[in-house]
Amino acid sequence: MYKIFGIFSIFFLASCATAPPSSPNNLCGIFDEYPRWYRASVATEEKWGLLPEVGLSFIFRESSFQSDAKPPRYYFLGFIPWGRTSSAYGYAQITDQAWQDYTDDTGSSWFKRRNDFEDAMDFIGWYNDRTNRVLGINKNDAYNLYLVYYEGLGGYRTGNWRTNEDVKRYAREVQERTAYYGEQLSSCRSSLKSYPWQIF
């Protein structure tokens, strides 16, 4: 009975919205504040080869660590709310179609949620792994990985991003954040603790 209650308590607490980290520019601080995020990052690295600093840089760029982030609304006639610019949702701003592709390919959909950090990291790991297999882009190449993530495989192949200064700027920001997140992590990784009974 207690075991069942404990399992449901974990699912309930994990489903609660998690506030963005108080120090989003400090990866060591992020993992210290949310040990569960560190465990998820390690698991994704082992499964997909996704460096924690790459995954969290993607999430910062996409949602600023807002679990329920959505694209802005667009307005009919300039003032009537008329839906959103895309179906993207959650930490990694995953569209409905991309999420469907992910769950179809991995065979996992039960209990998976775009507003769950662990699931968002797993999605990014899967997406970048596919990018690596299809396009041969190195899993350490945050700049080009993000270009593919933003443009899609087909969009990246067309090369239209080469003349899109905004998209290239986003990718540079991800690349720069990945670099200093990586430096921070190398200085504290040995001291990070991961206890299985910690929920957050």
N, C-alpha and C. Protein backbone atom coordinates (compact mmCIF):
# COMPACT_ATOMS: atom_id res chain seq x y z
N MET A 1 0.83 -1.21 0.00
CA MET A 1 0.00 0.00 0.00
C MET A 1 0.87 1.26 0.00
N TYR A 2 1.87 1.26 0.88
CA TYR A 2 2.75 2.43 0.96
C TYR A 2 3.54 2.61 -0.33
N LYS A 3 3.92 1.48 -0.95
CA LYS A 3 4.67 1.57 -2.20
C LYS A 3 3.82 2.19 -3.29
N ILE A 4 2.55 1.77 -3.36
CA ILE A 4 1.64 2.32 -4.37
C ILE A 4 1.44 3.81 -4.14
N PHE A 5 1.24 4.18 -2.87
CA PHE A 5 1.07 5.60 -2.54
C PHE A 5 2.31 6.39 -2.94
N GLY A 6 3.48 5.81 -2.67
CA GLY A 6 4.72 6.50 -3.01
C GLY A 6 4.87 6.72 -4.49
N ILE A 7 4.49 5.71 -5.28
CA ILE A 7 4.59 5.83 -6.74
C ILE A 7 3.68 6.93 -7.24
N PHE A 8 2.44 6.94 -6.76
CA PHE A 8 1.49 7.98 -7.20
C PHE A 8 1.94 9.36 -6.72
N SER A 9 2.55 9.43 -5.56
CA SER A 9 3.05 10.72 -5.07
C SER A 9 4.13 11.26 -5.97
N ILE A 10 5.00 10.36 -6.44
CA ILE A 10 6.08 10.78 -7.34
C ILE A 10 5.50 11.32 -8.63
N PHE A 11 4.51 10.59 -9.21
CA PHE A 11 3.90 11.05 -10.45
C PHE A 11 3.19 12.38 -10.26
N PHE A 12 2.54 12.56 -9.11
CA PHE A 12 1.82 13.80 -8.85
C PHE A 12 2.79 14.97 -8.73
N LEU A 13 3.84 14.78 -7.94
CA LEU A 13 4.80 15.86 -7.75
C LEU A 13 5.57 16.17 -9.02
N ALA A 14 5.87 15.12 -9.79
CA ALA A 14 6.61 15.34 -11.04
C ALA A 14 5.76 16.08 -12.06
N SER A 15 4.42 15.93 -11.94
CA SER A 15 3.53 16.58 -12.91
C SER A 15 3.31 18.06 -12.58
N CYS A 16 3.67 18.47 -11.36
CA CYS A 16 3.50 19.87 -11.00
C CYS A 16 4.48 20.73 -11.79
N ALA A 17 4.03 21.92 -12.14
CA ALA A 17 4.89 22.81 -12.91
C ALA A 17 6.13 23.17 -12.10
N THR A 18 7.27 23.10 -12.73
CA THR A 18 8.54 23.44 -12.09
C THR A 18 8.94 24.84 -12.50
N ALA A 19 9.24 25.67 -11.53
CA ALA A 19 9.65 27.04 -11.84
C ALA A 19 11.00 27.03 -12.54
N PRO A 20 11.25 27.99 -13.42
CA PRO A 20 12.58 28.09 -14.04
C PRO A 20 13.65 28.22 -12.97
N PRO A 21 14.85 27.73 -13.22
CA PRO A 21 15.92 27.84 -12.21
C PRO A 21 16.24 29.29 -11.88
N SER A 22 16.64 29.50 -10.66
CA SER A 22 16.91 30.87 -10.21
C SER A 22 18.19 31.44 -10.81
N SER A 23 19.10 30.56 -11.26
CA SER A 23 20.35 31.01 -11.88
C SER A 23 20.51 30.32 -13.23
N PRO A 24 19.75 30.74 -14.24
CA PRO A 24 19.75 30.03 -15.52
C PRO A 24 21.06 30.11 -16.29
N ASN A 25 21.95 31.01 -15.89
CA ASN A 25 23.23 31.14 -16.58
C ASN A 25 24.34 30.33 -15.92
N ASN A 26 23.99 29.57 -14.90
CA ASN A 26 24.97 28.77 -14.16
C ASN A 26 24.52 27.32 -14.16
N LEU A 27 25.15 26.48 -14.98
CA LEU A 27 24.70 25.09 -15.09
C LEU A 27 24.89 24.33 -13.80
N CYS A 28 25.97 24.60 -13.08
CA CYS A 28 26.18 23.94 -11.79
C CYS A 28 25.06 24.33 -10.81
N GLY A 29 24.69 25.60 -10.83
CA GLY A 29 23.61 26.07 -9.97
C GLY A 29 22.27 25.45 -10.35
N ILE A 30 22.05 25.29 -11.65
CA ILE A 30 20.81 24.67 -12.12
C ILE A 30 20.70 23.24 -11.59
N PHE A 31 21.77 22.47 -11.74
CA PHE A 31 21.73 21.08 -11.31
C PHE A 31 21.71 20.95 -9.79
N ASP A 32 22.29 21.92 -9.10
CA ASP A 32 22.23 21.91 -7.64
C ASP A 32 20.81 22.20 -7.17
N GLU A 33 20.13 23.08 -7.89
CA GLU A 33 18.75 23.42 -7.54
C GLU A 33 17.78 22.30 -7.91
N TYR A 34 18.04 21.66 -9.04
CA TYR A 34 17.16 20.59 -9.52
C TYR A 34 17.98 19.33 -9.80
N PRO A 35 18.29 18.53 -8.78
CA PRO A 35 19.07 17.30 -8.99
C PRO A 35 18.42 16.36 -10.00
N ARG A 36 17.09 16.36 -10.06
CA ARG A 36 16.40 15.49 -11.02
C ARG A 36 16.78 15.84 -12.45
N TRP A 37 17.03 17.12 -12.70
CA TRP A 37 17.45 17.53 -14.04
C TRP A 37 18.84 16.98 -14.36
N TYR A 38 19.68 16.93 -13.35
CA TYR A 38 21.01 16.35 -13.57
C TYR A 38 20.90 14.87 -13.91
N ARG A 39 20.07 14.15 -13.16
CA ARG A 39 19.89 12.73 -13.42
C ARG A 39 19.34 12.51 -14.82
N ALA A 40 18.38 13.34 -15.22
CA ALA A 40 17.80 13.22 -16.56
C ALA A 40 18.85 13.49 -17.63
N SER A 41 19.71 14.47 -17.38
CA SER A 41 20.75 14.82 -18.34
C SER A 41 21.77 13.69 -18.49
N VAL A 42 22.13 13.07 -17.37
CA VAL A 42 23.07 11.95 -17.41
C VAL A 42 22.45 10.78 -18.17
N ALA A 43 21.17 10.50 -17.89
CA ALA A 43 20.49 9.39 -18.57
C ALA A 43 20.42 9.63 -20.07
N THR A 44 20.14 10.87 -20.47
CA THR A 44 20.05 11.19 -21.90
C THR A 44 21.42 11.11 -22.56
N GLU A 45 22.44 11.52 -21.85
CA GLU A 45 23.80 11.43 -22.39
C GLU A 45 24.18 9.97 -22.63
N GLU A 46 23.84 9.11 -21.68
CA GLU A 46 24.16 7.69 -21.82
C GLU A 46 23.35 7.03 -22.94
N LYS A 47 22.12 7.47 -23.11
CA LYS A 47 21.23 6.86 -24.11
C LYS A 47 21.49 7.36 -25.52
N TRP A 48 21.63 8.68 -25.68
CA TRP A 48 21.71 9.28 -27.01
C TRP A 48 23.04 9.97 -27.32
N GLY A 49 23.90 10.10 -26.33
CA GLY A 49 25.14 10.83 -26.56
C GLY A 49 24.95 12.34 -26.57
N LEU A 50 23.86 12.80 -25.95
CA LEU A 50 23.59 14.24 -25.87
C LEU A 50 24.34 14.84 -24.69
N LEU A 51 25.26 15.74 -24.96
CA LEU A 51 25.96 16.41 -23.87
C LEU A 51 24.97 17.26 -23.08
N PRO A 52 25.03 17.23 -21.74
CA PRO A 52 24.10 18.03 -20.94
C PRO A 52 24.12 19.51 -21.32
N GLU A 53 25.30 20.04 -21.59
CA GLU A 53 25.39 21.46 -21.92
C GLU A 53 24.72 21.79 -23.24
N VAL A 54 24.69 20.84 -24.16
CA VAL A 54 23.99 21.05 -25.43
C VAL A 54 22.48 21.03 -25.20
N GLY A 55 22.01 20.01 -24.49
CA GLY A 55 20.57 19.89 -24.26
C GLY A 55 20.00 21.08 -23.52
N LEU A 56 20.67 21.52 -22.46
CA LEU A 56 20.15 22.65 -21.69
C LEU A 56 20.28 23.97 -22.44
N SER A 57 21.26 24.08 -23.30
CA SER A 57 21.36 25.29 -24.13
C SER A 57 20.21 25.36 -25.12
N PHE A 58 19.81 24.21 -25.67
CA PHE A 58 18.64 24.17 -26.55
C PHE A 58 17.40 24.62 -25.78
N ILE A 59 17.22 24.07 -24.59
CA ILE A 59 16.03 24.38 -23.80
C ILE A 59 16.01 25.86 -23.41
N PHE A 60 17.15 26.40 -23.03
CA PHE A 60 17.19 27.83 -22.70
C PHE A 60 16.76 28.66 -23.90
N ARG A 61 17.27 28.33 -25.06
CA ARG A 61 16.95 29.08 -26.28
C ARG A 61 15.47 28.95 -26.64
N GLU A 62 14.93 27.76 -26.46
CA GLU A 62 13.55 27.49 -26.87
C GLU A 62 12.51 28.04 -25.90
N SER A 63 12.76 27.91 -24.61
CA SER A 63 11.70 28.24 -23.65
C SER A 63 12.16 29.00 -22.42
N SER A 64 13.45 29.26 -22.28
CA SER A 64 13.98 29.87 -21.05
C SER A 64 13.57 29.07 -19.82
N PHE A 65 13.49 27.75 -19.99
CA PHE A 65 13.15 26.82 -18.91
C PHE A 65 11.71 26.96 -18.42
N GLN A 66 10.83 27.50 -19.26
CA GLN A 66 9.40 27.55 -18.93
C GLN A 66 8.76 26.24 -19.38
N SER A 67 8.25 25.47 -18.44
CA SER A 67 7.74 24.13 -18.78
C SER A 67 6.52 24.17 -19.69
N ASP A 68 5.73 25.24 -19.60
CA ASP A 68 4.49 25.31 -20.38
C ASP A 68 4.58 26.36 -21.49
N ALA A 69 5.77 26.64 -21.95
CA ALA A 69 5.97 27.68 -22.97
C ALA A 69 5.20 27.35 -24.26
N LYS A 70 4.62 28.39 -24.85
CA LYS A 70 3.91 28.26 -26.12
C LYS A 70 4.30 29.43 -27.02
N PRO A 71 4.19 29.25 -28.33
CA PRO A 71 4.47 30.36 -29.25
C PRO A 71 3.47 31.49 -29.05
N PRO A 72 3.78 32.68 -29.50
CA PRO A 72 2.84 33.80 -29.36
C PRO A 72 1.58 33.58 -30.17
N ARG A 73 0.51 34.23 -29.75
CA ARG A 73 -0.74 34.19 -30.51
C ARG A 73 -0.64 35.09 -31.74
N TYR A 74 -1.44 34.79 -32.74
CA TYR A 74 -1.60 35.75 -33.82
C TYR A 74 -3.04 36.24 -33.80
N TYR A 75 -3.26 37.41 -34.35
CA TYR A 75 -4.55 38.08 -34.21
C TYR A 75 -5.17 38.40 -35.58
N PHE A 76 -6.43 38.02 -35.70
CA PHE A 76 -7.19 38.34 -36.90
C PHE A 76 -7.59 39.82 -36.85
N LEU A 77 -7.36 40.53 -37.92
CA LEU A 77 -7.63 41.97 -37.99
C LEU A 77 -6.82 42.77 -36.97
N GLY A 78 -5.80 42.14 -36.45
CA GLY A 78 -4.90 42.84 -35.55
C GLY A 78 -5.30 42.86 -34.10
N PHE A 79 -6.52 42.37 -33.77
CA PHE A 79 -6.93 42.43 -32.36
C PHE A 79 -7.76 41.23 -31.91
N ILE A 80 -8.21 40.36 -32.79
CA ILE A 80 -9.00 39.20 -32.40
C ILE A 80 -8.08 37.98 -32.27
N PRO A 81 -7.93 37.40 -31.06
CA PRO A 81 -7.07 36.22 -30.89
C PRO A 81 -7.49 35.10 -31.83
N TRP A 82 -6.54 34.54 -32.57
CA TRP A 82 -6.88 33.56 -33.61
C TRP A 82 -5.86 32.42 -33.62
N GLY A 83 -5.70 31.78 -32.47
CA GLY A 83 -4.76 30.66 -32.41
C GLY A 83 -3.33 31.10 -32.20
N ARG A 84 -2.43 30.12 -32.32
CA ARG A 84 -1.00 30.39 -32.13
C ARG A 84 -0.24 30.12 -33.42
N THR A 85 0.96 30.63 -33.47
CA THR A 85 1.74 30.55 -34.70
C THR A 85 2.20 29.13 -35.03
N SER A 86 2.23 28.24 -34.03
CA SER A 86 2.54 26.83 -34.28
C SER A 86 2.04 26.01 -33.10
N SER A 87 2.16 24.69 -33.21
CA SER A 87 1.71 23.79 -32.15
C SER A 87 2.83 23.50 -31.15
N ALA A 88 3.95 24.19 -31.25
CA ALA A 88 5.09 23.96 -30.35
C ALA A 88 4.68 24.15 -28.89
N TYR A 89 5.22 23.30 -28.02
CA TYR A 89 4.83 23.37 -26.61
C TYR A 89 5.94 22.80 -25.74
N GLY A 90 6.05 23.34 -24.54
CA GLY A 90 6.91 22.77 -23.51
C GLY A 90 8.35 23.26 -23.54
N TYR A 91 9.16 22.61 -22.72
CA TYR A 91 10.56 23.01 -22.55
C TYR A 91 11.30 23.14 -23.88
N ALA A 92 11.11 22.15 -24.75
CA ALA A 92 11.87 22.10 -26.00
C ALA A 92 11.09 22.61 -27.19
N GLN A 93 9.91 23.19 -26.95
CA GLN A 93 9.06 23.73 -28.02
C GLN A 93 8.87 22.70 -29.14
N ILE A 94 8.34 21.56 -28.75
CA ILE A 94 8.15 20.44 -29.68
C ILE A 94 6.79 20.55 -30.33
N THR A 95 6.74 20.50 -31.65
CA THR A 95 5.47 20.57 -32.37
C THR A 95 4.74 19.23 -32.27
N ASP A 96 3.45 19.27 -32.56
CA ASP A 96 2.65 18.04 -32.53
C ASP A 96 3.24 16.98 -33.45
N GLN A 97 3.62 17.37 -34.66
CA GLN A 97 4.13 16.40 -35.63
C GLN A 97 5.48 15.82 -35.19
N ALA A 98 6.35 16.68 -34.68
CA ALA A 98 7.66 16.19 -34.22
C ALA A 98 7.49 15.23 -33.04
N TRP A 99 6.56 15.55 -32.15
CA TRP A 99 6.30 14.68 -31.00
C TRP A 99 5.75 13.34 -31.46
N GLN A 100 4.88 13.36 -32.46
CA GLN A 100 4.34 12.12 -33.01
C GLN A 100 5.45 11.28 -33.63
N ASP A 101 6.35 11.92 -34.37
CA ASP A 101 7.48 11.21 -34.98
C ASP A 101 8.34 10.56 -33.89
N TYR A 102 8.56 11.30 -32.83
CA TYR A 102 9.39 10.80 -31.73
C TYR A 102 8.75 9.60 -31.04
N THR A 103 7.48 9.72 -30.70
CA THR A 103 6.82 8.61 -30.01
C THR A 103 6.65 7.40 -30.92
N ASP A 104 6.43 7.63 -32.21
CA ASP A 104 6.34 6.51 -33.15
C ASP A 104 7.68 5.79 -33.26
N ASP A 105 8.75 6.57 -33.32
CA ASP A 105 10.08 5.99 -33.53
C ASP A 105 10.60 5.29 -32.28
N THR A 106 10.32 5.85 -31.12
CA THR A 106 10.84 5.27 -29.87
C THR A 106 9.87 4.27 -29.26
N GLY A 107 8.63 4.26 -29.76
CA GLY A 107 7.64 3.34 -29.23
C GLY A 107 7.20 3.66 -27.83
N SER A 108 7.35 4.91 -27.45
CA SER A 108 6.97 5.31 -26.09
C SER A 108 6.09 6.55 -26.12
N SER A 109 4.94 6.45 -25.53
CA SER A 109 4.06 7.61 -25.45
C SER A 109 3.38 7.72 -24.08
N TRP A 110 3.20 6.58 -23.41
CA TRP A 110 2.56 6.61 -22.10
C TRP A 110 3.41 7.39 -21.10
N PHE A 111 2.77 8.28 -20.40
CA PHE A 111 3.41 9.10 -19.36
C PHE A 111 4.45 10.07 -19.91
N LYS A 112 4.60 10.16 -21.23
CA LYS A 112 5.53 11.12 -21.82
C LYS A 112 4.82 12.45 -21.99
N ARG A 113 5.50 13.55 -21.62
CA ARG A 113 4.88 14.87 -21.71
C ARG A 113 5.92 15.88 -22.16
N ARG A 114 5.49 16.78 -23.02
CA ARG A 114 6.40 17.80 -23.50
C ARG A 114 6.77 18.82 -22.43
N ASN A 115 5.96 18.91 -21.38
CA ASN A 115 6.26 19.84 -20.30
C ASN A 115 7.02 19.18 -19.14
N ASP A 116 7.56 18.00 -19.40
CA ASP A 116 8.40 17.31 -18.43
C ASP A 116 9.86 17.42 -18.88
N PHE A 117 10.72 17.86 -18.00
CA PHE A 117 12.12 18.10 -18.37
C PHE A 117 12.79 16.84 -18.90
N GLU A 118 12.60 15.73 -18.21
CA GLU A 118 13.24 14.49 -18.63
C GLU A 118 12.82 14.09 -20.04
N ASP A 119 11.52 14.21 -20.32
CA ASP A 119 11.02 13.85 -21.65
C ASP A 119 11.51 14.82 -22.71
N ALA A 120 11.60 16.10 -22.36
CA ALA A 120 12.11 17.09 -23.31
C ALA A 120 13.57 16.80 -23.66
N MET A 121 14.37 16.46 -22.66
CA MET A 121 15.77 16.13 -22.91
C MET A 121 15.88 14.87 -23.77
N ASP A 122 15.04 13.90 -23.50
CA ASP A 122 15.08 12.67 -24.29
C ASP A 122 14.72 12.96 -25.74
N PHE A 123 13.75 13.85 -25.94
CA PHE A 123 13.38 14.23 -27.31
C PHE A 123 14.56 14.89 -28.02
N ILE A 124 15.22 15.84 -27.36
CA ILE A 124 16.36 16.52 -27.98
C ILE A 124 17.46 15.51 -28.30
N GLY A 125 17.69 14.58 -27.37
CA GLY A 125 18.69 13.55 -27.62
C GLY A 125 18.35 12.71 -28.83
N TRP A 126 17.08 12.31 -28.93
CA TRP A 126 16.61 11.54 -30.09
C TRP A 126 16.76 12.34 -31.37
N TYR A 127 16.35 13.60 -31.34
CA TYR A 127 16.39 14.44 -32.54
C TYR A 127 17.83 14.64 -33.02
N ASN A 128 18.72 14.94 -32.09
CA ASN A 128 20.11 15.16 -32.48
C ASN A 128 20.79 13.87 -32.94
N ASP A 129 20.37 12.75 -32.36
CA ASP A 129 20.90 11.47 -32.81
C ASP A 129 20.48 11.21 -34.26
N ARG A 130 19.24 11.52 -34.57
CA ARG A 130 18.76 11.36 -35.94
C ARG A 130 19.51 12.31 -36.88
N THR A 131 19.72 13.54 -36.44
CA THR A 131 20.49 14.50 -37.24
C THR A 131 21.88 13.97 -37.53
N ASN A 132 22.49 13.38 -36.52
CA ASN A 132 23.84 12.81 -36.68
C ASN A 132 23.83 11.67 -37.70
N ARG A 133 22.83 10.80 -37.62
CA ARG A 133 22.78 9.65 -38.52
C ARG A 133 22.45 10.05 -39.96
N VAL A 134 21.53 11.01 -40.11
CA VAL A 134 21.06 11.39 -41.45
C VAL A 134 22.01 12.38 -42.13
N LEU A 135 22.48 13.36 -41.38
CA LEU A 135 23.28 14.43 -41.97
C LEU A 135 24.77 14.36 -41.61
N GLY A 136 25.11 13.49 -40.66
CA GLY A 136 26.51 13.35 -40.28
C GLY A 136 27.05 14.48 -39.43
N ILE A 137 26.17 15.28 -38.84
CA ILE A 137 26.61 16.39 -37.99
C ILE A 137 27.04 15.86 -36.62
N ASN A 138 28.22 16.26 -36.19
CA ASN A 138 28.77 15.79 -34.93
C ASN A 138 27.87 16.19 -33.76
N LYS A 139 27.74 15.30 -32.79
CA LYS A 139 26.87 15.57 -31.64
C LYS A 139 27.43 16.65 -30.72
N ASN A 140 28.65 17.08 -30.95
CA ASN A 140 29.22 18.19 -30.19
C ASN A 140 29.05 19.53 -30.90
N ASP A 141 28.56 19.50 -32.13
CA ASP A 141 28.44 20.70 -32.96
C ASP A 141 27.12 21.41 -32.67
N ALA A 142 27.09 22.15 -31.57
CA ALA A 142 25.85 22.77 -31.13
C ALA A 142 25.29 23.73 -32.18
N TYR A 143 26.16 24.42 -32.89
CA TYR A 143 25.72 25.41 -33.88
C TYR A 143 24.88 24.76 -34.97
N ASN A 144 25.41 23.76 -35.64
CA ASN A 144 24.68 23.12 -36.73
C ASN A 144 23.55 22.22 -36.24
N LEU A 145 23.73 21.61 -35.08
CA LEU A 145 22.63 20.83 -34.51
C LEU A 145 21.41 21.71 -34.28
N TYR A 146 21.65 22.92 -33.77
CA TYR A 146 20.51 23.80 -33.52
C TYR A 146 19.89 24.29 -34.81
N LEU A 147 20.71 24.55 -35.82
CA LEU A 147 20.15 24.95 -37.12
C LEU A 147 19.19 23.90 -37.63
N VAL A 148 19.56 22.63 -37.52
CA VAL A 148 18.68 21.54 -37.95
C VAL A 148 17.44 21.48 -37.07
N TYR A 149 17.63 21.64 -35.77
CA TYR A 149 16.50 21.60 -34.83
C TYR A 149 15.49 22.69 -35.17
N TYR A 150 15.98 23.85 -35.51
CA TYR A 150 15.11 25.00 -35.81
C TYR A 150 14.49 24.88 -37.19
N GLU A 151 15.28 24.48 -38.18
CA GLU A 151 14.82 24.46 -39.57
C GLU A 151 14.20 23.13 -39.99
N GLY A 152 14.52 22.06 -39.25
CA GLY A 152 14.12 20.73 -39.68
C GLY A 152 15.15 20.16 -40.64
N LEU A 153 15.12 18.84 -40.82
CA LEU A 153 16.10 18.19 -41.70
C LEU A 153 16.02 18.73 -43.12
N GLY A 154 14.80 18.81 -43.64
CA GLY A 154 14.62 19.31 -44.99
C GLY A 154 15.01 20.77 -45.13
N GLY A 155 14.61 21.57 -44.15
CA GLY A 155 14.94 22.99 -44.19
C GLY A 155 16.43 23.24 -44.14
N TYR A 156 17.13 22.43 -43.34
CA TYR A 156 18.58 22.58 -43.26
C TYR A 156 19.22 22.24 -44.59
N ARG A 157 18.72 21.18 -45.22
CA ARG A 157 19.30 20.75 -46.51
C ARG A 157 19.16 21.83 -47.58
N THR A 158 18.06 22.57 -47.57
CA THR A 158 17.86 23.59 -48.61
C THR A 158 18.88 24.72 -48.49
N GLY A 159 19.38 24.93 -47.27
CA GLY A 159 20.39 25.97 -47.07
C GLY A 159 19.84 27.37 -46.98
N ASN A 160 18.51 27.51 -46.88
CA ASN A 160 17.93 28.86 -46.79
C ASN A 160 18.39 29.61 -45.54
N TRP A 161 18.76 28.85 -44.52
CA TRP A 161 19.20 29.47 -43.27
C TRP A 161 20.47 30.31 -43.46
N ARG A 162 21.20 30.02 -44.53
CA ARG A 162 22.46 30.74 -44.77
C ARG A 162 22.25 32.24 -44.96
N THR A 163 21.06 32.62 -45.42
CA THR A 163 20.76 34.04 -45.63
C THR A 163 19.81 34.58 -44.56
N ASN A 164 19.54 33.77 -43.54
CA ASN A 164 18.65 34.19 -42.46
C ASN A 164 19.50 34.54 -41.24
N GLU A 165 19.74 35.83 -41.06
CA GLU A 165 20.62 36.27 -39.98
C GLU A 165 20.05 35.97 -38.60
N ASP A 166 18.73 36.01 -38.46
CA ASP A 166 18.13 35.72 -37.16
C ASP A 166 18.40 34.28 -36.74
N VAL A 167 18.17 33.34 -37.65
CA VAL A 167 18.38 31.93 -37.35
C VAL A 167 19.84 31.65 -37.01
N LYS A 168 20.75 32.25 -37.77
CA LYS A 168 22.17 32.05 -37.50
C LYS A 168 22.55 32.66 -36.15
N ARG A 169 21.92 33.75 -35.79
CA ARG A 169 22.19 34.36 -34.48
C ARG A 169 21.71 33.45 -33.36
N TYR A 170 20.53 32.85 -33.53
CA TYR A 170 20.03 31.91 -32.52
C TYR A 170 21.02 30.76 -32.34
N ALA A 171 21.52 30.24 -33.46
CA ALA A 171 22.46 29.11 -33.39
C ALA A 171 23.76 29.52 -32.72
N ARG A 172 24.23 30.73 -32.98
CA ARG A 172 25.45 31.20 -32.33
C ARG A 172 25.24 31.33 -30.82
N GLU A 173 24.07 31.82 -30.43
CA GLU A 173 23.77 31.95 -29.00
C GLU A 173 23.79 30.58 -28.32
N VAL A 174 23.22 29.58 -29.00
CA VAL A 174 23.24 28.22 -28.46
C VAL A 174 24.67 27.71 -28.36
N GLN A 175 25.44 27.96 -29.39
CA GLN A 175 26.85 27.54 -29.40
C GLN A 175 27.63 28.18 -28.26
N GLU A 176 27.45 29.47 -28.05
CA GLU A 176 28.16 30.17 -26.98
C GLU A 176 27.73 29.68 -25.60
N ARG A 177 26.43 29.48 -25.43
CA ARG A 177 25.94 29.00 -24.13
C ARG A 177 26.45 27.58 -23.87
N THR A 178 26.47 26.76 -24.90
CA THR A 178 27.00 25.41 -24.76
C THR A 178 28.44 25.44 -24.28
N ALA A 179 29.22 26.36 -24.81
CA ALA A 179 30.64 26.45 -24.44
C ALA A 179 30.80 26.79 -22.96
N TYR A 180 30.08 27.79 -22.48
CA TYR A 180 30.32 28.15 -21.08
C TYR A 180 29.56 27.25 -20.11
N TYR A 181 28.44 26.67 -20.53
CA TYR A 181 27.82 25.63 -19.71
C TYR A 181 28.80 24.45 -19.55
N GLY A 182 29.47 24.10 -20.65
CA GLY A 182 30.41 22.99 -20.61
C GLY A 182 31.56 23.26 -19.67
N GLU A 183 32.08 24.47 -19.69
CA GLU A 183 33.17 24.84 -18.78
C GLU A 183 32.70 24.78 -17.33
N GLN A 184 31.50 25.27 -17.09
CA GLN A 184 30.96 25.24 -15.73
C GLN A 184 30.79 23.80 -15.25
N LEU A 185 30.24 22.95 -16.12
CA LEU A 185 29.98 21.56 -15.72
C LEU A 185 31.27 20.82 -15.42
N SER A 186 32.31 21.10 -16.19
CA SER A 186 33.59 20.41 -15.96
C SER A 186 34.18 20.77 -14.59
N SER A 187 33.79 21.91 -14.06
CA SER A 187 34.33 22.34 -12.76
C SER A 187 33.55 21.79 -11.57
N CYS A 188 32.35 21.26 -11.82
CA CYS A 188 31.52 20.83 -10.69
C CYS A 188 30.96 19.42 -10.83
N ARG A 189 31.17 18.79 -11.97
CA ARG A 189 30.50 17.50 -12.21
C ARG A 189 30.88 16.45 -11.17
N SER A 190 32.13 16.44 -10.77
CA SER A 190 32.57 15.43 -9.80
C SER A 190 31.90 15.59 -8.44
N SER A 191 31.40 16.78 -8.16
CA SER A 191 30.78 17.03 -6.86
C SER A 191 29.26 16.93 -6.89
N LEU A 192 28.70 16.78 -8.09
CA LEU A 192 27.24 16.68 -8.18
C LEU A 192 26.78 15.34 -7.64
N LYS A 193 25.74 15.38 -6.87
CA LYS A 193 25.20 14.17 -6.26
C LYS A 193 23.88 13.82 -6.93
N SER A 194 23.60 12.52 -6.96
CA SER A 194 22.35 12.06 -7.58
C SER A 194 21.79 10.92 -6.74
N TYR A 195 20.79 11.25 -5.93
CA TYR A 195 20.19 10.24 -5.07
C TYR A 195 18.84 9.82 -5.64
N PRO A 196 18.58 8.50 -5.74
CA PRO A 196 17.36 8.02 -6.40
C PRO A 196 16.07 8.45 -5.74
N TRP A 197 16.10 8.78 -4.45
CA TRP A 197 14.85 9.16 -3.79
C TRP A 197 14.56 10.65 -3.89
N GLN A 198 15.47 11.41 -4.45
CA GLN A 198 15.20 12.83 -4.65
C GLN A 198 14.25 13.01 -5.82
N ILE A 199 13.18 13.75 -5.63
CA ILE A 199 12.18 13.96 -6.68
C ILE A 199 12.55 15.14 -7.54
N PHE A 200 13.05 16.22 -6.94
CA PHE A 200 13.29 17.45 -7.70
C PHE A 200 14.73 17.55 -8.16
